[in-house]
Amino acid sequence: MHDRAPAPMAISNKERAFFERLGERVAQFRKTHDITQAQLAEALHVSQQTVQAYEVGRRRIPVSALPVLASTLAVSIEALIGEKSQPAKRGPTPKLQQQVERLARLPKTKQRVVMEMLEGLLSQAAR
């Protein structure tokens, strides 16, 4: 019996370009949400060096990591891979939902400021 690991599969130029763009999006979303490479690495149970390799396209992100990655970065898997997500329903998106989605795209520090302002306004309105 052989205990040799399988040889790495060759990657096409098209696949390499996909993983480079995916890594760029991961880095962009991570920075937008004020998440460090070390924090992302902890969520994915990999090293910070592995996250850095993902972000520059030197390593392929495993498909099994996409749900955790998307959840940690507060984006859809479609957004991660660069696909336009299909709307779940027809018609215009309610304004409140649009605002919540915009809030989710803000950096965490700005999200906290907006949430504090909203809490203050809601408590005043309840009086």
Protein backbone atom coordinates (compact mmCIF):
# COMPACT_ATOMS: atom_id res chain seq x y z
CA MET A 1 0.00 0.00 0.00
CA HIS A 2 1.28 3.47 -0.85
CA ASP A 3 1.03 6.37 1.60
CA ARG A 4 1.75 9.00 -0.99
CA ALA A 5 -0.46 12.04 -1.28
CA PRO A 6 -2.07 12.52 -4.68
CA ALA A 7 -0.21 14.82 -7.01
CA PRO A 8 -1.69 18.33 -7.12
CA MET A 9 -4.08 18.85 -9.99
CA ALA A 10 -3.05 21.28 -12.68
CA ILE A 11 -4.99 24.52 -12.71
CA SER A 12 -5.96 26.27 -15.92
CA ASN A 13 -5.32 29.95 -16.51
CA LYS A 14 -9.08 30.55 -16.33
CA GLU A 15 -9.27 28.82 -12.92
CA ARG A 16 -6.23 30.71 -11.68
CA ALA A 17 -7.83 34.02 -12.70
CA PHE A 18 -11.07 33.01 -10.93
CA PHE A 19 -9.23 32.29 -7.66
CA GLU A 20 -7.26 35.54 -7.93
CA ARG A 21 -10.50 37.53 -8.34
CA LEU A 22 -12.11 35.54 -5.51
CA GLY A 23 -9.16 36.37 -3.27
CA GLU A 24 -9.43 40.05 -4.17
CA ARG A 25 -13.12 40.04 -3.22
CA VAL A 26 -12.36 38.26 0.07
CA ALA A 27 -9.74 40.89 0.91
CA GLN A 28 -12.12 43.71 -0.05
CA PHE A 29 -15.01 42.36 2.06
CA ARG A 30 -12.65 41.61 4.96
CA LYS A 31 -11.30 45.16 4.97
CA THR A 32 -14.78 46.67 4.56
CA HIS A 33 -15.88 44.88 7.72
CA ASP A 34 -12.70 45.70 9.67
CA ILE A 35 -11.76 42.03 9.99
CA THR A 36 -8.09 41.14 10.21
CA GLN A 37 -6.51 38.25 8.34
CA ALA A 38 -5.87 36.63 11.74
CA GLN A 39 -9.56 36.91 12.71
CA LEU A 40 -10.64 35.44 9.38
CA ALA A 41 -8.08 32.67 9.75
CA GLU A 42 -9.48 31.81 13.17
CA ALA A 43 -13.03 31.59 11.78
CA LEU A 44 -11.82 29.32 8.95
CA HIS A 45 -9.53 27.24 11.23
CA VAL A 46 -6.51 27.98 9.04
CA SER A 47 -3.35 30.02 9.51
CA GLN A 48 -3.08 33.74 8.77
CA GLN A 49 -0.58 32.81 6.05
CA THR A 50 -3.22 30.62 4.40
CA VAL A 51 -5.71 33.51 4.37
CA GLN A 52 -3.02 35.73 2.86
CA ALA A 53 -2.40 33.07 0.18
CA TYR A 54 -6.16 32.90 -0.53
CA GLU A 55 -6.34 36.68 -0.93
CA VAL A 56 -3.56 36.85 -3.51
CA GLY A 57 -4.75 33.74 -5.35
CA ARG A 58 -1.76 31.54 -4.49
CA ARG A 59 -4.04 28.96 -2.88
CA ARG A 60 -7.50 27.82 -3.87
CA ILE A 61 -10.23 28.40 -1.32
CA PRO A 62 -11.97 25.07 -0.65
CA VAL A 63 -15.63 24.97 -1.62
CA SER A 64 -16.41 23.67 1.88
CA ALA A 65 -15.05 26.95 3.33
CA LEU A 66 -17.36 29.22 1.30
CA PRO A 67 -20.36 29.15 3.69
CA VAL A 68 -18.20 30.06 6.71
CA LEU A 69 -16.33 32.65 4.68
CA ALA A 70 -19.55 34.27 3.43
CA SER A 71 -21.09 34.26 6.91
CA THR A 72 -17.98 35.73 8.53
CA LEU A 73 -17.77 38.46 5.89
CA ALA A 74 -21.55 39.10 6.01
CA VAL A 75 -22.00 38.56 2.27
CA SER A 76 -23.72 35.97 0.11
CA ILE A 77 -21.78 33.16 -1.51
CA GLU A 78 -22.87 34.64 -4.84
CA ALA A 79 -21.24 37.97 -3.93
CA LEU A 80 -18.07 36.13 -2.90
CA ILE A 81 -17.74 34.33 -6.19
CA GLY A 82 -18.71 37.39 -8.20
CA GLU A 83 -22.17 36.29 -9.34
CA LYS A 84 -25.23 38.46 -9.26
CA SER A 85 -27.70 36.93 -6.84
CA GLN A 86 -31.20 36.44 -8.17
CA PRO A 87 -33.88 38.31 -6.28
CA ALA A 88 -36.10 36.01 -4.24
CA LYS A 89 -39.22 37.87 -5.30
CA ARG A 90 -40.47 40.24 -7.94
CA GLY A 91 -41.00 43.92 -7.50
CA PRO A 92 -39.00 46.61 -5.80
CA THR A 93 -37.13 45.85 -2.62
CA PRO A 94 -38.80 47.50 0.37
CA LYS A 95 -36.94 50.62 1.45
CA LEU A 96 -36.30 49.25 4.96
CA GLN A 97 -34.67 46.13 3.51
CA GLN A 98 -32.50 48.26 1.22
CA GLN A 99 -31.38 50.32 4.21
CA VAL A 100 -30.58 47.22 6.26
CA GLU A 101 -28.52 45.85 3.35
CA ARG A 102 -26.66 49.17 3.06
CA LEU A 103 -26.01 49.10 6.81
CA ALA A 104 -24.63 45.56 6.55
CA ARG A 105 -22.08 46.71 3.97
CA LEU A 106 -20.67 49.43 6.25
CA PRO A 107 -17.55 48.81 8.32
CA LYS A 108 -18.36 47.46 11.80
CA THR A 109 -17.40 50.74 13.51
CA LYS A 110 -19.83 52.73 11.35
CA GLN A 111 -22.51 50.07 11.86
CA ARG A 112 -22.23 50.58 15.62
CA VAL A 113 -22.61 54.37 15.27
CA VAL A 114 -25.71 54.00 13.09
CA MET A 115 -27.19 51.41 15.46
CA GLU A 116 -26.64 53.70 18.48
CA MET A 117 -28.35 56.57 16.64
CA LEU A 118 -31.23 54.31 15.66
CA GLU A 119 -31.64 53.04 19.23
CA GLY A 120 -31.78 56.64 20.47
CA LEU A 121 -34.41 57.63 17.91
CA LEU A 122 -36.51 54.55 18.61
CA SER A 123 -36.43 55.12 22.38
CA GLN A 124 -37.51 58.78 21.85
CA ALA A 125 -40.32 57.72 19.51
CA ALA A 126 -41.59 55.20 22.08
CA ARG A 127 -42.07 57.92 24.73
